[in-house]
């Protein structure tokens, strides 16, 4: 799949689950919310040591576990300030393989 890199099998990120991957030197967490996959940079832009992997889900958003900032998994937008918006990555699933857009 041109422009994408394989990161996992779908069984590694079960429904309503999440898993962190290292892709081209970046920590990225893939979320499976009702069998729809989302990928976000796994570092809160506000506090670089806070992994979004541990955050509370809120629909298609995740809250930073340290300060509660909310990040939209579709857009990367932060509810506190656009200064804290983060990167999201396109996800495609082909058969049992999860692919991420490689514009990393």
PDB file of N, CA and C in Angstrom:
ATOM      1  N   UNK A   1       0.861  -1.172   0.000  1.00  0.00           N
ATOM      2  CA  UNK A   1       0.000   0.000   0.000  1.00  0.00           C
ATOM      3  C   UNK A   1       0.907   1.235   0.000  1.00  0.00           C
ATOM      4  N   UNK A   2       0.961   1.908  -1.128  1.00  0.00           N
ATOM      5  CA  UNK A   2       1.885   3.036  -1.291  1.00  0.00           C
ATOM      6  C   UNK A   2       1.526   4.199  -0.368  1.00  0.00           C
ATOM      7  N   UNK A   3       2.557   4.767   0.252  1.00  0.00           N
ATOM      8  CA  UNK A   3       2.361   5.897   1.152  1.00  0.00           C
ATOM      9  C   UNK A   3       2.005   5.500   2.574  1.00  0.00           C
ATOM     10  N   UNK A   4       1.919   4.219   2.834  1.00  0.00           N
ATOM     11  CA  UNK A   4       1.560   3.716   4.158  1.00  0.00           C
ATOM     12  C   UNK A   4       2.578   2.671   4.595  1.00  0.00           C
ATOM     13  N   UNK A   5       2.698   2.512   5.915  1.00  0.00           N
ATOM     14  CA  UNK A   5       3.588   1.509   6.474  1.00  0.00           C
ATOM     15  C   UNK A   5       2.768   0.584   7.385  1.00  0.00           C
ATOM     16  N   UNK A   6       2.986  -0.715   7.260  1.00  0.00           N
ATOM     17  CA  UNK A   6       2.292  -1.685   8.107  1.00  0.00           C
ATOM     18  C   UNK A   6       2.832  -1.578   9.533  1.00  0.00           C
ATOM     19  N   UNK A   7       1.911  -1.522  10.510  1.00  0.00           N
ATOM     20  CA  UNK A   7       2.349  -1.416  11.908  1.00  0.00           C
ATOM     21  C   UNK A   7       1.882  -2.567  12.782  1.00  0.00           C
ATOM     22  N   UNK A   8       0.792  -3.226  12.406  1.00  0.00           N
ATOM     23  CA  UNK A   8       0.259  -4.268  13.288  1.00  0.00           C
ATOM     24  C   UNK A   8      -0.795  -5.089  12.573  1.00  0.00           C
ATOM     25  N   UNK A   9      -1.136  -6.188  13.214  1.00  0.00           N
ATOM     26  CA  UNK A   9      -2.313  -6.958  12.821  1.00  0.00           C
ATOM     27  C   UNK A   9      -3.487  -6.452  13.649  1.00  0.00           C
ATOM     28  N   UNK A  10      -4.665  -6.543  13.101  1.00  0.00           N
ATOM     29  CA  UNK A  10      -5.848  -6.037  13.802  1.00  0.00           C
ATOM     30  C   UNK A  10      -6.040  -6.713  15.159  1.00  0.00           C
ATOM     31  N   UNK A  11      -5.630  -7.964  15.296  1.00  0.00           N
ATOM     32  CA  UNK A  11      -5.789  -8.666  16.577  1.00  0.00           C
ATOM     33  C   UNK A  11      -4.931  -8.047  17.680  1.00  0.00           C
ATOM     34  N   UNK A  12      -3.919  -7.250  17.302  1.00  0.00           N
ATOM     35  CA  UNK A  12      -3.067  -6.596  18.302  1.00  0.00           C
ATOM     36  C   UNK A  12      -3.737  -5.376  18.925  1.00  0.00           C
ATOM     37  N   UNK A  13      -4.762  -4.843  18.248  1.00  0.00           N
ATOM     38  CA  UNK A  13      -5.494  -3.683  18.763  1.00  0.00           C
ATOM     39  C   UNK A  13      -6.980  -4.056  18.741  1.00  0.00           C
ATOM     40  N   UNK A  14      -7.421  -4.826  19.733  1.00  0.00           N
ATOM     41  CA  UNK A  14      -8.801  -5.309  19.738  1.00  0.00           C
ATOM     42  C   UNK A  14      -9.806  -4.169  19.908  1.00  0.00           C
ATOM     43  N   UNK A  15     -11.050  -4.474  19.614  1.00  0.00           N
ATOM     44  CA  UNK A  15     -12.126  -3.483  19.744  1.00  0.00           C
ATOM     45  C   UNK A  15     -12.066  -2.826  21.116  1.00  0.00           C
ATOM     46  N   UNK A  16     -12.133  -1.504  21.121  1.00  0.00           N
ATOM     47  CA  UNK A  16     -12.055  -0.666  22.322  1.00  0.00           C
ATOM     48  C   UNK A  16     -10.704  -0.765  23.021  1.00  0.00           C
ATOM     49  N   UNK A  17      -9.694  -1.195  22.271  1.00  0.00           N
ATOM     50  CA  UNK A  17      -8.341  -1.281  22.805  1.00  0.00           C
ATOM     51  C   UNK A  17      -7.434  -0.229  22.198  1.00  0.00           C
ATOM     52  N   UNK A  18      -6.183  -0.272  22.608  1.00  0.00           N
ATOM     53  CA  UNK A  18      -5.177   0.665  22.119  1.00  0.00           C
ATOM     54  C   UNK A  18      -3.811   0.042  22.275  1.00  0.00           C
ATOM     55  N   UNK A  19      -2.888   0.483  21.448  1.00  0.00           N
ATOM     56  CA  UNK A  19      -1.525  -0.024  21.546  1.00  0.00           C
ATOM     57  C   UNK A  19      -0.575   1.001  20.953  1.00  0.00           C
ATOM     58  N   UNK A  20       0.581   1.124  21.598  1.00  0.00           N
ATOM     59  CA  UNK A  20       1.608   2.068  21.147  1.00  0.00           C
ATOM     60  C   UNK A  20       2.596   1.345  20.233  1.00  0.00           C
ATOM     61  N   UNK A  21       3.028   2.072  19.200  1.00  0.00           N
ATOM     62  CA  UNK A  21       4.024   1.561  18.261  1.00  0.00           C
ATOM     63  C   UNK A  21       5.101   2.614  18.061  1.00  0.00           C
ATOM     64  N   UNK A  22       6.292   2.164  17.778  1.00  0.00           N
ATOM     65  CA  UNK A  22       7.390   3.061  17.404  1.00  0.00           C
ATOM     66  C   UNK A  22       7.453   3.020  15.878  1.00  0.00           C
ATOM     67  N   UNK A  23       7.231   4.163  15.238  1.00  0.00           N
ATOM     68  CA  UNK A  23       7.237   4.241  13.776  1.00  0.00           C
ATOM     69  C   UNK A  23       8.148   5.395  13.366  1.00  0.00           C
ATOM     70  N   UNK A  24       9.195   5.067  12.670  1.00  0.00           N
ATOM     71  CA  UNK A  24      10.162   6.065  12.206  1.00  0.00           C
ATOM     72  C   UNK A  24      10.596   7.000  13.330  1.00  0.00           C
ATOM     73  N   UNK A  25      10.870   6.421  14.490  1.00  0.00           N
ATOM     74  CA  UNK A  25      11.374   7.178  15.627  1.00  0.00           C
ATOM     75  C   UNK A  25      10.330   7.931  16.423  1.00  0.00           C
ATOM     76  N   UNK A  26       9.047   7.748  16.099  1.00  0.00           N
ATOM     77  CA  UNK A  26       7.977   8.436  16.829  1.00  0.00           C
ATOM     78  C   UNK A  26       7.095   7.411  17.528  1.00  0.00           C
ATOM     79  N   UNK A  27       6.664   7.772  18.755  1.00  0.00           N
ATOM     80  CA  UNK A  27       5.707   6.931  19.478  1.00  0.00           C
ATOM     81  C   UNK A  27       4.303   7.312  19.013  1.00  0.00           C
ATOM     82  N   UNK A  28       3.607   6.328  18.468  1.00  0.00           N
ATOM     83  CA  UNK A  28       2.253   6.554  17.958  1.00  0.00           C
ATOM     84  C   UNK A  28       1.338   5.521  18.585  1.00  0.00           C
ATOM     85  N   UNK A  29       0.184   5.970  19.089  1.00  0.00           N
ATOM     86  CA  UNK A  29      -0.786   5.043  19.637  1.00  0.00           C
ATOM     87  C   UNK A  29      -1.936   4.882  18.664  1.00  0.00           C
ATOM     88  N   UNK A  30      -2.295   3.622  18.429  1.00  0.00           N
ATOM     89  CA  UNK A  30      -3.438   3.288  17.588  1.00  0.00           C
ATOM     90  C   UNK A  30      -4.584   2.884  18.510  1.00  0.00           C
ATOM     91  N   UNK A  31      -5.742   3.493  18.294  1.00  0.00           N
ATOM     92  CA  UNK A  31      -6.954   3.202  19.056  1.00  0.00           C
ATOM     93  C   UNK A  31      -7.949   2.497  18.148  1.00  0.00           C
ATOM     94  N   UNK A  32      -8.672   1.533  18.696  1.00  0.00           N
ATOM     95  CA  UNK A  32      -9.753   0.868  17.983  1.00  0.00           C
ATOM     96  C   UNK A  32     -11.026   1.194  18.744  1.00  0.00           C
ATOM     97  N   UNK A  33     -11.826   2.080  18.188  1.00  0.00           N
ATOM     98  CA  UNK A  33     -13.075   2.492  18.824  1.00  0.00           C
ATOM     99  C   UNK A  33     -14.213   1.996  17.951  1.00  0.00           C
ATOM    100  N   UNK A  34     -14.917   1.002  18.446  1.00  0.00           N
ATOM    101  CA  UNK A  34     -16.019   0.387  17.696  1.00  0.00           C
ATOM    102  C   UNK A  34     -15.579  -0.028  16.297  1.00  0.00           C
ATOM    103  N   UNK A  35     -14.416  -0.658  16.212  1.00  0.00           N
ATOM    104  CA  UNK A  35     -13.845  -1.165  14.959  1.00  0.00           C
ATOM    105  C   UNK A  35     -13.474  -0.072  13.959  1.00  0.00           C
ATOM    106  N   UNK A  36     -13.306   1.151  14.439  1.00  0.00           N
ATOM    107  CA  UNK A  36     -12.746   2.234  13.632  1.00  0.00           C
ATOM    108  C   UNK A  36     -11.400   2.589  14.265  1.00  0.00           C
ATOM    109  N   UNK A  37     -10.372   2.670  13.433  1.00  0.00           N
ATOM    110  CA  UNK A  37      -9.014   2.870  13.937  1.00  0.00           C
ATOM    111  C   UNK A  37      -8.575   4.327  13.798  1.00  0.00           C
ATOM    112  N   UNK A  38      -7.868   4.805  14.823  1.00  0.00           N
ATOM    113  CA  UNK A  38      -7.329   6.156  14.859  1.00  0.00           C
ATOM    114  C   UNK A  38      -5.886   6.068  15.332  1.00  0.00           C
ATOM    115  N   UNK A  39      -5.047   6.980  14.857  1.00  0.00           N
ATOM    116  CA  UNK A  39      -3.644   6.997  15.287  1.00  0.00           C
ATOM    117  C   UNK A  39      -3.255   8.423  15.647  1.00  0.00           C
ATOM    118  N   UNK A  40      -2.596   8.564  16.792  1.00  0.00           N
ATOM    119  CA  UNK A  40      -2.216   9.886  17.294  1.00  0.00           C
ATOM    120  C   UNK A  40      -0.804   9.814  17.867  1.00  0.00           C
ATOM    121  N   UNK A  41      -0.079  10.908  17.740  1.00  0.00           N
ATOM    122  CA  UNK A  41       1.238  10.989  18.362  1.00  0.00           C
ATOM    123  C   UNK A  41       1.047  10.786  19.859  1.00  0.00           C
ATOM    124  N   UNK A  42       1.819   9.898  20.443  1.00  0.00           N
ATOM    125  CA  UNK A  42       1.568   9.477  21.820  1.00  0.00           C
ATOM    126  C   UNK A  42       2.290  10.336  22.858  1.00  0.00           C
ATOM    127  N   UNK A  43       2.369  11.609  22.623  1.00  0.00           N
ATOM    128  CA  UNK A  43       2.987  12.514  23.584  1.00  0.00           C
ATOM    129  C   UNK A  43       2.127  13.767  23.674  1.00  0.00           C
ATOM    130  N   UNK A  44       1.710  14.109  24.867  1.00  0.00           N
ATOM    131  CA  UNK A  44       0.939  15.331  25.054  1.00  0.00           C
ATOM    132  C   UNK A  44       1.825  16.526  24.712  1.00  0.00           C
ATOM    133  N   UNK A  45       1.393  17.407  23.814  1.00  0.00           N
ATOM    134  CA  UNK A  45       2.209  18.572  23.467  1.00  0.00           C
ATOM    135  C   UNK A  45       2.424  19.531  24.644  1.00  0.00           C
ATOM    136  N   UNK A  46       1.554  19.472  25.657  1.00  0.00           N
ATOM    137  CA  UNK A  46       1.676  20.343  26.812  1.00  0.00           C
ATOM    138  C   UNK A  46       2.768  19.842  27.754  1.00  0.00           C
ATOM    139  N   UNK A  47       2.776  18.546  28.001  1.00  0.00           N
ATOM    140  CA  UNK A  47       3.791  17.967  28.880  1.00  0.00           C
ATOM    141  C   UNK A  47       4.356  16.748  28.162  1.00  0.00           C
ATOM    142  N   UNK A  48       5.510  16.913  27.599  1.00  0.00           N
ATOM    143  CA  UNK A  48       6.096  15.929  26.684  1.00  0.00           C
ATOM    144  C   UNK A  48       6.239  14.528  27.264  1.00  0.00           C
ATOM    145  N   UNK A  49       6.208  14.384  28.581  1.00  0.00           N
ATOM    146  CA  UNK A  49       6.377  13.065  29.169  1.00  0.00           C
ATOM    147  C   UNK A  49       5.050  12.340  29.386  1.00  0.00           C
ATOM    148  N   UNK A  50       3.941  12.977  29.106  1.00  0.00           N
ATOM    149  CA  UNK A  50       2.630  12.361  29.344  1.00  0.00           C
ATOM    150  C   UNK A  50       2.215  11.517  28.135  1.00  0.00           C
ATOM    151  N   UNK A  51       2.120  10.201  28.301  1.00  0.00           N
ATOM    152  CA  UNK A  51       1.705   9.350  27.188  1.00  0.00           C
ATOM    153  C   UNK A  51       0.184   9.329  27.046  1.00  0.00           C
ATOM    154  N   UNK A  52      -0.296   9.659  25.867  1.00  0.00           N
ATOM    155  CA  UNK A  52      -1.736   9.649  25.635  1.00  0.00           C
ATOM    156  C   UNK A  52      -2.294   8.231  25.663  1.00  0.00           C
ATOM    157  N   UNK A  53      -1.440   7.249  25.535  1.00  0.00           N
ATOM    158  CA  UNK A  53      -1.834   5.846  25.634  1.00  0.00           C
ATOM    159  C   UNK A  53      -2.618   5.588  26.922  1.00  0.00           C
ATOM    160  N   UNK A  54      -2.235   6.260  27.999  1.00  0.00           N
ATOM    161  CA  UNK A  54      -2.874   6.035  29.307  1.00  0.00           C
ATOM    162  C   UNK A  54      -4.086   6.926  29.532  1.00  0.00           C
ATOM    163  N   UNK A  55      -4.453   7.741  28.545  1.00  0.00           N
ATOM    164  CA  UNK A  55      -5.549   8.679  28.722  1.00  0.00           C
ATOM    165  C   UNK A  55      -6.925   8.039  28.703  1.00  0.00           C
ATOM    166  N   UNK A  56      -7.884   8.767  29.245  1.00  0.00           N
ATOM    167  CA  UNK A  56      -9.285   8.333  29.280  1.00  0.00           C
ATOM    168  C   UNK A  56      -9.937   8.666  27.949  1.00  0.00           C
ATOM    169  N   UNK A  57     -10.652   7.691  27.378  1.00  0.00           N
ATOM    170  CA  UNK A  57     -11.362   7.925  26.129  1.00  0.00           C
ATOM    171  C   UNK A  57     -12.674   8.642  26.385  1.00  0.00           C
ATOM    172  N   UNK A  58     -13.047   9.473  25.414  1.00  0.00           N
ATOM    173  CA  UNK A  58     -14.287  10.243  25.456  1.00  0.00           C
ATOM    174  C   UNK A  58     -14.806  10.285  24.019  1.00  0.00           C
ATOM    175  N   UNK A  59     -15.560   9.266  23.642  1.00  0.00           N
ATOM    176  CA  UNK A  59     -15.985   9.165  22.239  1.00  0.00           C
ATOM    177  C   UNK A  59     -14.761   8.941  21.369  1.00  0.00           C
ATOM    178  N   UNK A  60     -14.553   9.834  20.409  1.00  0.00           N
ATOM    179  CA  UNK A  60     -13.365   9.737  19.554  1.00  0.00           C
ATOM    180  C   UNK A  60     -12.328  10.777  19.974  1.00  0.00           C
ATOM    181  N   UNK A  61     -12.150  10.892  21.263  1.00  0.00           N
ATOM    182  CA  UNK A  61     -11.130  11.789  21.826  1.00  0.00           C
ATOM    183  C   UNK A  61     -10.470  11.082  22.996  1.00  0.00           C
ATOM    184  N   UNK A  62      -9.273  11.564  23.332  1.00  0.00           N
ATOM    185  CA  UNK A  62      -8.558  11.018  24.480  1.00  0.00           C
ATOM    186  C   UNK A  62      -8.138  12.193  25.364  1.00  0.00           C
ATOM    187  N   UNK A  63      -8.222  11.989  26.676  1.00  0.00           N
ATOM    188  CA  UNK A  63      -7.819  13.008  27.640  1.00  0.00           C
ATOM    189  C   UNK A  63      -6.419  12.685  28.148  1.00  0.00           C
ATOM    190  N   UNK A  64      -5.560  13.680  28.183  1.00  0.00           N
ATOM    191  CA  UNK A  64      -4.218  13.503  28.723  1.00  0.00           C
ATOM    192  C   UNK A  64      -4.336  13.023  30.170  1.00  0.00           C
ATOM    193  N   UNK A  65      -3.574  11.987  30.541  1.00  0.00           N
ATOM    194  CA  UNK A  65      -3.677  11.474  31.906  1.00  0.00           C
ATOM    195  C   UNK A  65      -3.117  12.427  32.958  1.00  0.00           C
ATOM    196  N   UNK A  66      -2.311  13.413  32.563  1.00  0.00           N
ATOM    197  CA  UNK A  66      -1.717  14.327  33.547  1.00  0.00           C
ATOM    198  C   UNK A  66      -2.578  15.555  33.836  1.00  0.00           C
ATOM    199  N   UNK A  67      -3.111  16.193  32.803  1.00  0.00           N
ATOM    200  CA  UNK A  67      -3.848  17.439  33.017  1.00  0.00           C
ATOM    201  C   UNK A  67      -5.270  17.426  32.477  1.00  0.00           C
ATOM    202  N   UNK A  68      -5.660  16.342  31.805  1.00  0.00           N
ATOM    203  CA  UNK A  68      -7.030  16.239  31.328  1.00  0.00           C
ATOM    204  C   UNK A  68      -7.311  16.928  30.008  1.00  0.00           C
ATOM    205  N   UNK A  69      -6.292  17.509  29.362  1.00  0.00           N
ATOM    206  CA  UNK A  69      -6.528  18.126  28.061  1.00  0.00           C
ATOM    207  C   UNK A  69      -7.134  17.083  27.130  1.00  0.00           C
ATOM    208  N   UNK A  70      -8.073  17.499  26.312  1.00  0.00           N
ATOM    209  CA  UNK A  70      -8.797  16.577  25.426  1.00  0.00           C
ATOM    210  C   UNK A  70      -8.270  16.745  24.003  1.00  0.00           C
ATOM    211  N   UNK A  71      -7.917  15.612  23.370  1.00  0.00           N
ATOM    212  CA  UNK A  71      -7.410  15.623  22.001  1.00  0.00           C
ATOM    213  C   UNK A  71      -8.341  14.810  21.110  1.00  0.00           C
ATOM    214  N   UNK A  72      -8.813  15.440  20.041  1.00  0.00           N
ATOM    215  CA  UNK A  72      -9.672  14.769  19.077  1.00  0.00           C
ATOM    216  C   UNK A  72      -8.827  13.778  18.278  1.00  0.00           C
ATOM    217  N   UNK A  73      -9.214  12.517  18.250  1.00  0.00           N
ATOM    218  CA  UNK A  73      -8.434  11.500  17.553  1.00  0.00           C
ATOM    219  C   UNK A  73      -8.541  11.620  16.032  1.00  0.00           C
ATOM    220  N   UNK A  74      -9.533  12.359  15.547  1.00  0.00           N
ATOM    221  CA  UNK A  74      -9.680  12.545  14.101  1.00  0.00           C
ATOM    222  C   UNK A  74      -8.847  13.711  13.591  1.00  0.00           C
ATOM    223  N   UNK A  75      -8.717  14.762  14.402  1.00  0.00           N
ATOM    224  CA  UNK A  75      -8.072  15.988  13.936  1.00  0.00           C
ATOM    225  C   UNK A  75      -6.811  16.367  14.709  1.00  0.00           C
ATOM    226  N   UNK A  76      -6.655  15.856  15.926  1.00  0.00           N
ATOM    227  CA  UNK A  76      -5.536  16.238  16.779  1.00  0.00           C
ATOM    228  C   UNK A  76      -5.772  17.522  17.542  1.00  0.00           C
ATOM    229  N   UNK A  77      -6.958  18.126  17.375  1.00  0.00           N
ATOM    230  CA  UNK A  77      -7.246  19.403  18.038  1.00  0.00           C
ATOM    231  C   UNK A  77      -7.365  19.230  19.542  1.00  0.00           C
ATOM    232  N   UNK A  78      -6.795  20.192  20.258  1.00  0.00           N
ATOM    233  CA  UNK A  78      -6.840  20.229  21.715  1.00  0.00           C
ATOM    234  C   UNK A  78      -7.944  21.182  22.158  1.00  0.00           C
ATOM    235  N   UNK A  79      -8.670  20.810  23.207  1.00  0.00           N
ATOM    236  CA  UNK A  79      -9.765  21.651  23.684  1.00  0.00           C
ATOM    237  C   UNK A  79      -9.305  22.882  24.454  1.00  0.00           C
ATOM    238  N   UNK A  80      -8.037  22.948  24.828  1.00  0.00           N
ATOM    239  CA  UNK A  80      -7.545  24.051  25.643  1.00  0.00           C
ATOM    240  C   UNK A  80      -7.004  25.184  24.784  1.00  0.00           C
ATOM    241  N   UNK A  81      -6.215  24.848  23.780  1.00  0.00           N
ATOM    242  CA  UNK A  81      -5.599  25.861  22.933  1.00  0.00           C
ATOM    243  C   UNK A  81      -5.081  25.214  21.651  1.00  0.00           C
ATOM    244  N   UNK A  82      -5.191  25.911  20.530  1.00  0.00           N
ATOM    245  CA  UNK A  82      -4.612  25.369  19.293  1.00  0.00           C
ATOM    246  C   UNK A  82      -3.096  25.218  19.389  1.00  0.00           C
ATOM    247  N   UNK A  83      -2.479  25.918  20.342  1.00  0.00           N
ATOM    248  CA  UNK A  83      -1.037  25.771  20.542  1.00  0.00           C
ATOM    249  C   UNK A  83      -0.665  24.351  20.946  1.00  0.00           C
ATOM    250  N   UNK A  84      -1.637  23.591  21.475  1.00  0.00           N
ATOM    251  CA  UNK A  84      -1.380  22.237  21.941  1.00  0.00           C
ATOM    252  C   UNK A  84      -1.927  21.158  21.001  1.00  0.00           C
ATOM    253  N   UNK A  85      -2.412  21.554  19.816  1.00  0.00           N
ATOM    254  CA  UNK A  85      -2.862  20.546  18.860  1.00  0.00           C
ATOM    255  C   UNK A  85      -1.727  19.571  18.591  1.00  0.00           C
ATOM    256  N   UNK A  86      -2.079  18.331  18.285  1.00  0.00           N
ATOM    257  CA  UNK A  86      -1.070  17.303  18.057  1.00  0.00           C
ATOM    258  C   UNK A  86      -1.280  16.622  16.711  1.00  0.00           C
ATOM    259  N   UNK A  87      -0.382  15.747  16.370  1.00  0.00           N
ATOM    260  CA  UNK A  87      -0.432  15.074  15.073  1.00  0.00           C
ATOM    261  C   UNK A  87      -1.288  13.814  15.132  1.00  0.00           C
ATOM    262  N   UNK A  88      -2.086  13.635  14.103  1.00  0.00           N
ATOM    263  CA  UNK A  88      -2.802  12.382  13.888  1.00  0.00           C
ATOM    264  C   UNK A  88      -2.354  11.841  12.538  1.00  0.00           C
ATOM    265  N   UNK A  89      -2.574  10.555  12.330  1.00  0.00           N
ATOM    266  CA  UNK A  89      -2.085   9.897  11.133  1.00  0.00           C
ATOM    267  C   UNK A  89      -3.205   9.102  10.495  1.00  0.00           C
ATOM    268  N   UNK A  90      -3.283   9.139   9.164  1.00  0.00           N
ATOM    269  CA  UNK A  90      -4.321   8.349   8.499  1.00  0.00           C
ATOM    270  C   UNK A  90      -4.077   6.862   8.715  1.00  0.00           C
ATOM    271  N   UNK A  91      -5.169   6.138   8.904  1.00  0.00           N
ATOM    272  CA  UNK A  91      -5.106   4.699   9.143  1.00  0.00           C
ATOM    273  C   UNK A  91      -5.917   3.992   8.062  1.00  0.00           C
ATOM    274  N   UNK A  92      -5.349   2.925   7.537  1.00  0.00           N
ATOM    275  CA  UNK A  92      -6.077   2.050   6.615  1.00  0.00           C
ATOM    276  C   UNK A  92      -5.924   0.632   7.108  1.00  0.00           C
ATOM    277  N   UNK A  93      -6.974  -0.145   6.931  1.00  0.00           N
ATOM    278  CA  UNK A  93      -6.927  -1.557   7.277  1.00  0.00           C
ATOM    279  C   UNK A  93      -7.165  -2.343   5.997  1.00  0.00           C
ATOM    280  N   UNK A  94      -6.254  -3.256   5.723  1.00  0.00           N
ATOM    281  CA  UNK A  94      -6.379  -4.122   4.555  1.00  0.00           C
ATOM    282  C   UNK A  94      -6.290  -5.556   5.053  1.00  0.00           C
ATOM    283  N   UNK A  95      -7.430  -6.234   5.045  1.00  0.00           N
ATOM    284  CA  UNK A  95      -7.474  -7.579   5.610  1.00  0.00           C
ATOM    285  C   UNK A  95      -7.243  -7.504   7.102  1.00  0.00           C
ATOM    286  N   UNK A  96      -6.159  -8.095   7.569  1.00  0.00           N
ATOM    287  CA  UNK A  96      -5.839  -8.102   8.999  1.00  0.00           C
ATOM    288  C   UNK A  96      -4.703  -7.143   9.345  1.00  0.00           C
ATOM    289  N   UNK A  97      -4.263  -6.342   8.386  1.00  0.00           N
ATOM    290  CA  UNK A  97      -3.103  -5.479   8.613  1.00  0.00           C
ATOM    291  C   UNK A  97      -3.540  -4.025   8.773  1.00  0.00           C
ATOM    292  N   UNK A  98      -2.987  -3.364   9.803  1.00  0.00           N
ATOM    293  CA  UNK A  98      -3.218  -1.936  10.047  1.00  0.00           C
ATOM    294  C   UNK A  98      -2.031  -1.180   9.463  1.00  0.00           C
ATOM    295  N   UNK A  99      -2.326  -0.168   8.644  1.00  0.00           N
ATOM    296  CA  UNK A  99      -1.314   0.666   8.007  1.00  0.00           C
ATOM    297  C   UNK A  99      -1.493   2.106   8.479  1.00  0.00           C
ATOM    298  N   UNK A 100      -0.364   2.813   8.630  1.00  0.00           N
ATOM    299  CA  UNK A 100      -0.377   4.244   8.952  1.00  0.00           C
ATOM    300  C   UNK A 100       0.203   5.020   7.809  1.00  0.00           C
ATOM    301  N   UNK A 101      -0.367   6.204   7.545  1.00  0.00           N
ATOM    302  CA  UNK A 101       0.203   7.112   6.567  1.00  0.00           C
ATOM    303  C   UNK A 101       1.617   7.484   6.982  1.00  0.00           C
ATOM    304  N   UNK A 102       2.536   7.506   6.037  1.00  0.00           N
ATOM    305  CA  UNK A 102       3.946   7.687   6.399  1.00  0.00           C
ATOM    306  C   UNK A 102       4.423   9.134   6.293  1.00  0.00           C
ATOM    307  N   UNK A 103       3.523  10.076   6.313  1.00  0.00           N
ATOM    308  CA  UNK A 103       3.942  11.485   6.339  1.00  0.00           C
ATOM    309  C   UNK A 103       4.386  11.867   7.742  1.00  0.00           C
ATOM    310  N   UNK A 104       5.173  11.022   8.338  1.00  0.00           N
ATOM    311  CA  UNK A 104       5.586  11.188   9.729  1.00  0.00           C
ATOM    312  C   UNK A 104       6.663  12.223   9.857  1.00  0.00           C
TER     313      UNK A 104
END
